[in-house]
Amino acid sequence: MMPSPTTRINISLSEDVLTMLRRYAPERGLSRFLSEAAREKIDRIKREKAFKELLDAPPSFTKIRDSAAYVRTSRRLDEKRARRLGI
């Protein structure tokens, strides 16, 4: 992955966060540390949003009564198909 262009910004942090940063971030590379932390946080928010949307979605496969039997049958049919196709 090619590095993205960077922009210099000015941010304000509380003293306790700054103290933790100085303790845990590398002496050189604070910008990279903060960028990675922000990216991780954004990724987590996106995953949580997607999960919530999934939970709010209407149920699928409502006619399947026994999911284990359905999966076993699907796998068995896939194996037969694969053998027939020589895969």
PDB file of N, CA and C in Angstrom:
ATOM      1  N   MET A   1       0.842  -1.166   0.000  1.00  0.00           N
ATOM      2  CA  MET A   1       0.000   0.000   0.000  1.00  0.00           C
ATOM      3  C   MET A   1       0.896   1.240   0.000  1.00  0.00           C
ATOM      4  N   MET A   2       0.603   2.150  -0.898  1.00  0.00           N
ATOM      5  CA  MET A   2       1.391   3.379  -0.978  1.00  0.00           C
ATOM      6  C   MET A   2       0.984   4.318   0.148  1.00  0.00           C
ATOM      7  N   PRO A   3       1.943   5.019   0.706  1.00  0.00           N
ATOM      8  CA  PRO A   3       1.593   5.953   1.768  1.00  0.00           C
ATOM      9  C   PRO A   3       0.725   7.088   1.231  1.00  0.00           C
ATOM     10  N   SER A   4      -0.241   7.495   2.017  1.00  0.00           N
ATOM     11  CA  SER A   4      -1.104   8.612   1.643  1.00  0.00           C
ATOM     12  C   SER A   4      -0.369   9.915   1.868  1.00  0.00           C
ATOM     13  N   PRO A   5      -0.750  10.947   1.118  1.00  0.00           N
ATOM     14  CA  PRO A   5      -0.155  12.253   1.405  1.00  0.00           C
ATOM     15  C   PRO A   5      -0.514  12.675   2.824  1.00  0.00           C
ATOM     16  N   THR A   6       0.350  13.420   3.447  1.00  0.00           N
ATOM     17  CA  THR A   6       0.102  13.833   4.826  1.00  0.00           C
ATOM     18  C   THR A   6      -0.190  15.321   4.888  1.00  0.00           C
ATOM     19  N   THR A   7      -0.922  15.696   5.935  1.00  0.00           N
ATOM     20  CA  THR A   7      -1.247  17.090   6.204  1.00  0.00           C
ATOM     21  C   THR A   7      -0.897  17.376   7.645  1.00  0.00           C
ATOM     22  N   ARG A   8      -0.271  18.484   7.861  1.00  0.00           N
ATOM     23  CA  ARG A   8       0.102  18.885   9.225  1.00  0.00           C
ATOM     24  C   ARG A   8      -1.112  19.526   9.884  1.00  0.00           C
ATOM     25  N   ILE A   9      -1.419  19.103  11.134  1.00  0.00           N
ATOM     26  CA  ILE A   9      -2.543  19.665  11.870  1.00  0.00           C
ATOM     27  C   ILE A   9      -2.088  20.054  13.271  1.00  0.00           C
ATOM     28  N   ASN A  10      -2.902  20.831  13.923  1.00  0.00           N
ATOM     29  CA  ASN A  10      -2.641  21.225  15.301  1.00  0.00           C
ATOM     30  C   ASN A  10      -3.772  20.639  16.141  1.00  0.00           C
ATOM     31  N   ILE A  11      -3.442  19.844  17.159  1.00  0.00           N
ATOM     32  CA  ILE A  11      -4.467  19.240  18.005  1.00  0.00           C
ATOM     33  C   ILE A  11      -4.215  19.596  19.463  1.00  0.00           C
ATOM     34  N   SER A  12      -5.254  19.487  20.248  1.00  0.00           N
ATOM     35  CA  SER A  12      -5.138  19.698  21.698  1.00  0.00           C
ATOM     36  C   SER A  12      -5.448  18.390  22.392  1.00  0.00           C
ATOM     37  N   LEU A  13      -4.653  18.048  23.390  1.00  0.00           N
ATOM     38  CA  LEU A  13      -4.845  16.820  24.165  1.00  0.00           C
ATOM     39  C   LEU A  13      -4.870  17.170  25.636  1.00  0.00           C
ATOM     40  N   SER A  14      -5.615  16.381  26.378  1.00  0.00           N
ATOM     41  CA  SER A  14      -5.583  16.578  27.832  1.00  0.00           C
ATOM     42  C   SER A  14      -4.226  16.114  28.349  1.00  0.00           C
ATOM     43  N   GLU A  15      -3.835  16.634  29.495  1.00  0.00           N
ATOM     44  CA  GLU A  15      -2.524  16.306  30.068  1.00  0.00           C
ATOM     45  C   GLU A  15      -2.370  14.809  30.306  1.00  0.00           C
ATOM     46  N   ASP A  16      -3.436  14.137  30.776  1.00  0.00           N
ATOM     47  CA  ASP A  16      -3.308  12.704  31.055  1.00  0.00           C
ATOM     48  C   ASP A  16      -3.090  11.900  29.771  1.00  0.00           C
ATOM     49  N   VAL A  17      -3.746  12.291  28.681  1.00  0.00           N
ATOM     50  CA  VAL A  17      -3.536  11.592  27.406  1.00  0.00           C
ATOM     51  C   VAL A  17      -2.115  11.847  26.912  1.00  0.00           C
ATOM     52  N   LEU A  18      -1.647  13.069  27.026  1.00  0.00           N
ATOM     53  CA  LEU A  18      -0.284  13.390  26.610  1.00  0.00           C
ATOM     54  C   LEU A  18       0.737  12.598  27.428  1.00  0.00           C
ATOM     55  N   THR A  19       0.497  12.460  28.724  1.00  0.00           N
ATOM     56  CA  THR A  19       1.393  11.679  29.573  1.00  0.00           C
ATOM     57  C   THR A  19       1.441  10.224  29.110  1.00  0.00           C
ATOM     58  N   MET A  20       0.255   9.654  28.811  1.00  0.00           N
ATOM     59  CA  MET A  20       0.219   8.265  28.330  1.00  0.00           C
ATOM     60  C   MET A  20       0.914   8.134  26.982  1.00  0.00           C
ATOM     61  N   LEU A  21       0.699   9.107  26.100  1.00  0.00           N
ATOM     62  CA  LEU A  21       1.377   9.066  24.800  1.00  0.00           C
ATOM     63  C   LEU A  21       2.884   9.053  24.970  1.00  0.00           C
ATOM     64  N   ARG A  22       3.367   9.914  25.834  1.00  0.00           N
ATOM     65  CA  ARG A  22       4.816   9.970  26.050  1.00  0.00           C
ATOM     66  C   ARG A  22       5.344   8.667  26.634  1.00  0.00           C
ATOM     67  N   ARG A  23       4.505   7.981  27.382  1.00  0.00           N
ATOM     68  CA  ARG A  23       4.931   6.723  27.988  1.00  0.00           C
ATOM     69  C   ARG A  23       4.918   5.576  26.974  1.00  0.00           C
ATOM     70  N   TYR A  24       3.900   5.518  26.125  1.00  0.00           N
ATOM     71  CA  TYR A  24       3.707   4.345  25.277  1.00  0.00           C
ATOM     72  C   TYR A  24       4.095   4.533  23.814  1.00  0.00           C
ATOM     73  N   ALA A  25       4.067   5.732  23.316  1.00  0.00           N
ATOM     74  CA  ALA A  25       4.430   5.961  21.912  1.00  0.00           C
ATOM     75  C   ALA A  25       5.943   5.975  21.786  1.00  0.00           C
ATOM     76  N   PRO A  26       6.448   5.569  20.636  1.00  0.00           N
ATOM     77  CA  PRO A  26       7.899   5.634  20.451  1.00  0.00           C
ATOM     78  C   PRO A  26       8.378   7.087  20.502  1.00  0.00           C
ATOM     79  N   GLU A  27       9.609   7.251  20.910  1.00  0.00           N
ATOM     80  CA  GLU A  27      10.166   8.601  21.040  1.00  0.00           C
ATOM     81  C   GLU A  27      10.100   9.343  19.709  1.00  0.00           C
ATOM     82  N   ARG A  28      10.429   8.642  18.652  1.00  0.00           N
ATOM     83  CA  ARG A  28      10.266   9.201  17.301  1.00  0.00           C
ATOM     84  C   ARG A  28       9.119   8.434  16.662  1.00  0.00           C
ATOM     85  N   GLY A  29       8.255   9.110  15.960  1.00  0.00           N
ATOM     86  CA  GLY A  29       7.152   8.421  15.297  1.00  0.00           C
ATOM     87  C   GLY A  29       5.809   8.676  15.951  1.00  0.00           C
ATOM     88  N   LEU A  30       5.685   9.787  16.678  1.00  0.00           N
ATOM     89  CA  LEU A  30       4.417  10.094  17.336  1.00  0.00           C
ATOM     90  C   LEU A  30       3.295  10.277  16.315  1.00  0.00           C
ATOM     91  N   SER A  31       3.587  10.909  15.203  1.00  0.00           N
ATOM     92  CA  SER A  31       2.563  11.112  14.167  1.00  0.00           C
ATOM     93  C   SER A  31       2.048   9.781  13.650  1.00  0.00           C
ATOM     94  N   ARG A  32       2.959   8.854  13.381  1.00  0.00           N
ATOM     95  CA  ARG A  32       2.547   7.537  12.889  1.00  0.00           C
ATOM     96  C   ARG A  32       1.719   6.812  13.948  1.00  0.00           C
ATOM     97  N   PHE A  33       2.154   6.910  15.197  1.00  0.00           N
ATOM     98  CA  PHE A  33       1.432   6.272  16.299  1.00  0.00           C
ATOM     99  C   PHE A  33      -0.005   6.801  16.369  1.00  0.00           C
ATOM    100  N   LEU A  34      -0.167   8.128  16.324  1.00  0.00           N
ATOM    101  CA  LEU A  34      -1.503   8.726  16.401  1.00  0.00           C
ATOM    102  C   LEU A  34      -2.334   8.398  15.160  1.00  0.00           C
ATOM    103  N   SER A  35      -1.708   8.370  14.001  1.00  0.00           N
ATOM    104  CA  SER A  35      -2.410   8.034  12.768  1.00  0.00           C
ATOM    105  C   SER A  35      -2.929   6.599  12.820  1.00  0.00           C
ATOM    106  N   GLU A  36      -2.087   5.662  13.270  1.00  0.00           N
ATOM    107  CA  GLU A  36      -2.508   4.267  13.380  1.00  0.00           C
ATOM    108  C   GLU A  36      -3.617   4.113  14.416  1.00  0.00           C
ATOM    109  N   ALA A  37      -3.501   4.831  15.530  1.00  0.00           N
ATOM    110  CA  ALA A  37      -4.535   4.759  16.563  1.00  0.00           C
ATOM    111  C   ALA A  37      -5.871   5.276  16.026  1.00  0.00           C
ATOM    112  N   ALA A  38      -5.826   6.380  15.289  1.00  0.00           N
ATOM    113  CA  ALA A  38      -7.057   6.931  14.713  1.00  0.00           C
ATOM    114  C   ALA A  38      -7.649   5.966  13.697  1.00  0.00           C
ATOM    115  N   ARG A  39      -6.794   5.372  12.870  1.00  0.00           N
ATOM    116  CA  ARG A  39      -7.283   4.410  11.868  1.00  0.00           C
ATOM    117  C   ARG A  39      -7.940   3.201  12.551  1.00  0.00           C
ATOM    118  N   GLU A  40      -7.326   2.686  13.606  1.00  0.00           N
ATOM    119  CA  GLU A  40      -7.906   1.560  14.342  1.00  0.00           C
ATOM    120  C   GLU A  40      -9.265   1.929  14.928  1.00  0.00           C
ATOM    121  N   LYS A  41      -9.367   3.126  15.491  1.00  0.00           N
ATOM    122  CA  LYS A  41     -10.626   3.583  16.071  1.00  0.00           C
ATOM    123  C   LYS A  41     -11.701   3.713  14.987  1.00  0.00           C
ATOM    124  N   ILE A  42     -11.341   4.295  13.847  1.00  0.00           N
ATOM    125  CA  ILE A  42     -12.297   4.444  12.747  1.00  0.00           C
ATOM    126  C   ILE A  42     -12.735   3.078  12.244  1.00  0.00           C
ATOM    127  N   ASP A  43     -11.803   2.141  12.094  1.00  0.00           N
ATOM    128  CA  ASP A  43     -12.156   0.786  11.656  1.00  0.00           C
ATOM    129  C   ASP A  43     -13.119   0.124  12.642  1.00  0.00           C
ATOM    130  N   ARG A  44     -12.877   0.319  13.942  1.00  0.00           N
ATOM    131  CA  ARG A  44     -13.755  -0.262  14.959  1.00  0.00           C
ATOM    132  C   ARG A  44     -15.164   0.336  14.854  1.00  0.00           C
ATOM    133  N   ILE A  45     -15.244   1.646  14.667  1.00  0.00           N
ATOM    134  CA  ILE A  45     -16.549   2.298  14.532  1.00  0.00           C
ATOM    135  C   ILE A  45     -17.280   1.771  13.298  1.00  0.00           C
ATOM    136  N   LYS A  46     -16.563   1.598  12.194  1.00  0.00           N
ATOM    137  CA  LYS A  46     -17.178   1.081  10.973  1.00  0.00           C
ATOM    138  C   LYS A  46     -17.680  -0.355  11.171  1.00  0.00           C
ATOM    139  N   ARG A  47     -16.883  -1.199  11.861  1.00  0.00           N
ATOM    140  CA  ARG A  47     -17.312  -2.576  12.129  1.00  0.00           C
ATOM    141  C   ARG A  47     -18.558  -2.593  13.005  1.00  0.00           C
ATOM    142  N   GLU A  48     -18.569  -1.758  14.051  1.00  0.00           N
ATOM    143  CA  GLU A  48     -19.729  -1.706  14.946  1.00  0.00           C
ATOM    144  C   GLU A  48     -20.973  -1.241  14.195  1.00  0.00           C
ATOM    145  N   LYS A  49     -20.817  -0.267  13.305  1.00  0.00           N
ATOM    146  CA  LYS A  49     -21.952   0.222  12.508  1.00  0.00           C
ATOM    147  C   LYS A  49     -22.473  -0.881  11.590  1.00  0.00           C
ATOM    148  N   ALA A  50     -21.562  -1.588  10.932  1.00  0.00           N
ATOM    149  CA  ALA A  50     -21.965  -2.679  10.036  1.00  0.00           C
ATOM    150  C   ALA A  50     -22.658  -3.782  10.819  1.00  0.00           C
ATOM    151  N   PHE A  51     -22.160  -4.109  11.997  1.00  0.00           N
ATOM    152  CA  PHE A  51     -22.768  -5.146  12.822  1.00  0.00           C
ATOM    153  C   PHE A  51     -24.170  -4.734  13.257  1.00  0.00           C
ATOM    154  N   LYS A  52     -24.338  -3.477  13.639  1.00  0.00           N
ATOM    155  CA  LYS A  52     -25.654  -2.978  14.037  1.00  0.00           C
ATOM    156  C   LYS A  52     -26.626  -3.050  12.867  1.00  0.00           C
ATOM    157  N   GLU A  53     -26.161  -2.657  11.677  1.00  0.00           N
ATOM    158  CA  GLU A  53     -27.011  -2.741  10.494  1.00  0.00           C
ATOM    159  C   GLU A  53     -27.400  -4.187  10.206  1.00  0.00           C
ATOM    160  N   LEU A  54     -26.481  -5.099  10.417  1.00  0.00           N
ATOM    161  CA  LEU A  54     -26.764  -6.512  10.208  1.00  0.00           C
ATOM    162  C   LEU A  54     -27.815  -7.007  11.193  1.00  0.00           C
ATOM    163  N   LEU A  55     -27.685  -6.588  12.454  1.00  0.00           N
ATOM    164  CA  LEU A  55     -28.658  -7.002  13.459  1.00  0.00           C
ATOM    165  C   LEU A  55     -30.038  -6.403  13.204  1.00  0.00           C
ATOM    166  N   ASP A  56     -30.081  -5.205  12.625  1.00  0.00           N
ATOM    167  CA  ASP A  56     -31.351  -4.539  12.347  1.00  0.00           C
ATOM    168  C   ASP A  56     -32.016  -5.042  11.071  1.00  0.00           C
ATOM    169  N   ALA A  57     -31.276  -5.785  10.250  1.00  0.00           N
ATOM    170  CA  ALA A  57     -31.809  -6.274   8.977  1.00  0.00           C
ATOM    171  C   ALA A  57     -32.857  -7.359   9.228  1.00  0.00           C
ATOM    172  N   PRO A  58     -33.804  -7.508   8.295  1.00  0.00           N
ATOM    173  CA  PRO A  58     -34.794  -8.570   8.455  1.00  0.00           C
ATOM    174  C   PRO A  58     -34.118  -9.941   8.362  1.00  0.00           C
ATOM    175  N   PRO A  59     -34.682 -10.938   9.013  1.00  0.00           N
ATOM    176  CA  PRO A  59     -34.063 -12.271   8.984  1.00  0.00           C
ATOM    177  C   PRO A  59     -34.059 -12.862   7.577  1.00  0.00           C
ATOM    178  N   SER A  60     -33.017 -13.613   7.284  1.00  0.00           N
ATOM    179  CA  SER A  60     -32.900 -14.323   6.010  1.00  0.00           C
ATOM    180  C   SER A  60     -33.144 -15.805   6.250  1.00  0.00           C
ATOM    181  N   PHE A  61     -33.391 -16.525   5.200  1.00  0.00           N
ATOM    182  CA  PHE A  61     -33.579 -17.981   5.278  1.00  0.00           C
ATOM    183  C   PHE A  61     -34.620 -18.347   6.332  1.00  0.00           C
ATOM    184  N   THR A  62     -35.751 -17.693   6.285  1.00  0.00           N
ATOM    185  CA  THR A  62     -36.778 -17.923   7.307  1.00  0.00           C
ATOM    186  C   THR A  62     -37.454 -19.280   7.164  1.00  0.00           C
ATOM    187  N   LYS A  63     -37.308 -19.943   6.016  1.00  0.00           N
ATOM    188  CA  LYS A  63     -37.974 -21.233   5.814  1.00  0.00           C
ATOM    189  C   LYS A  63     -37.124 -22.418   6.269  1.00  0.00           C
ATOM    190  N   ILE A  64     -35.903 -22.163   6.712  1.00  0.00           N
ATOM    191  CA  ILE A  64     -35.031 -23.240   7.176  1.00  0.00           C
ATOM    192  C   ILE A  64     -35.354 -23.514   8.639  1.00  0.00           C
ATOM    193  N   ARG A  65     -35.755 -24.743   8.918  1.00  0.00           N
ATOM    194  CA  ARG A  65     -36.117 -25.093  10.299  1.00  0.00           C
ATOM    195  C   ARG A  65     -34.922 -25.612  11.084  1.00  0.00           C
ATOM    196  N   ASP A  66     -34.107 -26.431  10.439  1.00  0.00           N
ATOM    197  CA  ASP A  66     -32.949 -27.025  11.114  1.00  0.00           C
ATOM    198  C   ASP A  66     -31.695 -26.579  10.363  1.00  0.00           C
ATOM    199  N   SER A  67     -31.006 -25.581  10.888  1.00  0.00           N
ATOM    200  CA  SER A  67     -29.857 -25.019  10.175  1.00  0.00           C
ATOM    201  C   SER A  67     -28.713 -26.019  10.041  1.00  0.00           C
ATOM    202  N   ALA A  68     -28.513 -26.851  11.049  1.00  0.00           N
ATOM    203  CA  ALA A  68     -27.430 -27.845  10.983  1.00  0.00           C
ATOM    204  C   ALA A  68     -27.688 -28.829   9.840  1.00  0.00           C
ATOM    205  N   ALA A  69     -28.913 -29.295   9.711  1.00  0.00           N
ATOM    206  CA  ALA A  69     -29.263 -30.225   8.628  1.00  0.00           C
ATOM    207  C   ALA A  69     -29.108 -29.537   7.271  1.00  0.00           C
ATOM    208  N   TYR A  70     -29.495 -28.286   7.196  1.00  0.00           N
ATOM    209  CA  TYR A  70     -29.364 -27.520   5.951  1.00  0.00           C
ATOM    210  C   TYR A  70     -27.900 -27.419   5.531  1.00  0.00           C
ATOM    211  N   VAL A  71     -27.033 -27.109   6.469  1.00  0.00           N
ATOM    212  CA  VAL A  71     -25.603 -26.983   6.166  1.00  0.00           C
ATOM    213  C   VAL A  71     -25.027 -28.333   5.755  1.00  0.00           C
ATOM    214  N   ARG A  72     -25.384 -29.400   6.477  1.00  0.00           N
ATOM    215  CA  ARG A  72     -24.888 -30.744   6.117  1.00  0.00           C
ATOM    216  C   ARG A  72     -25.301 -31.112   4.705  1.00  0.00           C
ATOM    217  N   THR A  73     -26.557 -30.856   4.362  1.00  0.00           N
ATOM    218  CA  THR A  73     -27.057 -31.174   3.017  1.00  0.00           C
ATOM    219  C   THR A  73     -26.330 -30.346   1.973  1.00  0.00           C
ATOM    220  N   SER A  74     -26.141 -29.074   2.238  1.00  0.00           N
ATOM    221  CA  SER A  74     -25.437 -28.203   1.292  1.00  0.00           C
ATOM    222  C   SER A  74     -24.016 -28.689   1.056  1.00  0.00           C
ATOM    223  N   ARG A  75     -23.341 -29.066   2.122  1.00  0.00           N
ATOM    224  CA  ARG A  75     -21.962 -29.562   1.994  1.00  0.00           C
ATOM    225  C   ARG A  75     -21.917 -30.860   1.197  1.00  0.00           C
ATOM    226  N   ARG A  76     -22.871 -31.752   1.469  1.00  0.00           N
ATOM    227  CA  ARG A  76     -22.919 -33.027   0.761  1.00  0.00           C
ATOM    228  C   ARG A  76     -23.139 -32.783  -0.741  1.00  0.00           C
ATOM    229  N   LEU A  77     -24.060 -31.876  -1.085  1.00  0.00           N
ATOM    230  CA  LEU A  77     -24.311 -31.562  -2.490  1.00  0.00           C
ATOM    231  C   LEU A  77     -23.085 -30.920  -3.132  1.00  0.00           C
ATOM    232  N   ASP A  78     -22.390 -30.064  -2.397  1.00  0.00           N
ATOM    233  CA  ASP A  78     -21.176 -29.444  -2.926  1.00  0.00           C
ATOM    234  C   ASP A  78     -20.097 -30.484  -3.193  1.00  0.00           C
ATOM    235  N   GLU A  79     -19.974 -31.474  -2.296  1.00  0.00           N
ATOM    236  CA  GLU A  79     -18.977 -32.528  -2.494  1.00  0.00           C
ATOM    237  C   GLU A  79     -19.318 -33.354  -3.728  1.00  0.00           C
ATOM    238  N   LYS A  80     -20.599 -33.692  -3.906  1.00  0.00           N
ATOM    239  CA  LYS A  80     -21.013 -34.459  -5.090  1.00  0.00           C
ATOM    240  C   LYS A  80     -20.740 -33.654  -6.366  1.00  0.00           C
ATOM    241  N   ARG A  81     -21.048 -32.364  -6.328  1.00  0.00           N
ATOM    242  CA  ARG A  81     -20.815 -31.500  -7.487  1.00  0.00           C
ATOM    243  C   ARG A  81     -19.323 -31.417  -7.796  1.00  0.00           C
ATOM    244  N   ALA A  82     -18.512 -31.264  -6.762  1.00  0.00           N
ATOM    245  CA  ALA A  82     -17.064 -31.161  -6.965  1.00  0.00           C
ATOM    246  C   ALA A  82     -16.511 -32.445  -7.584  1.00  0.00           C
ATOM    247  N   ARG A  83     -16.971 -33.595  -7.099  1.00  0.00           N
ATOM    248  CA  ARG A  83     -16.514 -34.871  -7.672  1.00  0.00           C
ATOM    249  C   ARG A  83     -16.944 -34.984  -9.142  1.00  0.00           C
ATOM    250  N   ARG A  84     -18.186 -34.590  -9.409  1.00  0.00           N
ATOM    251  CA  ARG A  84     -18.704 -34.671 -10.770  1.00  0.00           C
ATOM    252  C   ARG A  84     -17.895 -33.775 -11.716  1.00  0.00           C
ATOM    253  N   LEU A  85     -17.490 -32.609 -11.224  1.00  0.00           N
ATOM    254  CA  LEU A  85     -16.732 -31.674 -12.043  1.00  0.00           C
ATOM    255  C   LEU A  85     -15.235 -31.965 -12.022  1.00  0.00           C
ATOM    256  N   GLY A  86     -14.799 -32.890 -11.170  1.00  0.00           N
ATOM    257  CA  GLY A  86     -13.383 -33.229 -11.077  1.00  0.00           C
ATOM    258  C   GLY A  86     -12.558 -32.163 -10.400  1.00  0.00           C
ATOM    259  N   ILE A  87     -13.185 -31.465  -9.463  1.00  0.00           N
ATOM    260  CA  ILE A  87     -12.478 -30.388  -8.750  1.00  0.00           C
ATOM    261  C   ILE A  87     -11.853 -30.938  -7.484  1.00  0.00           C
TER     262      ILE A  87
END
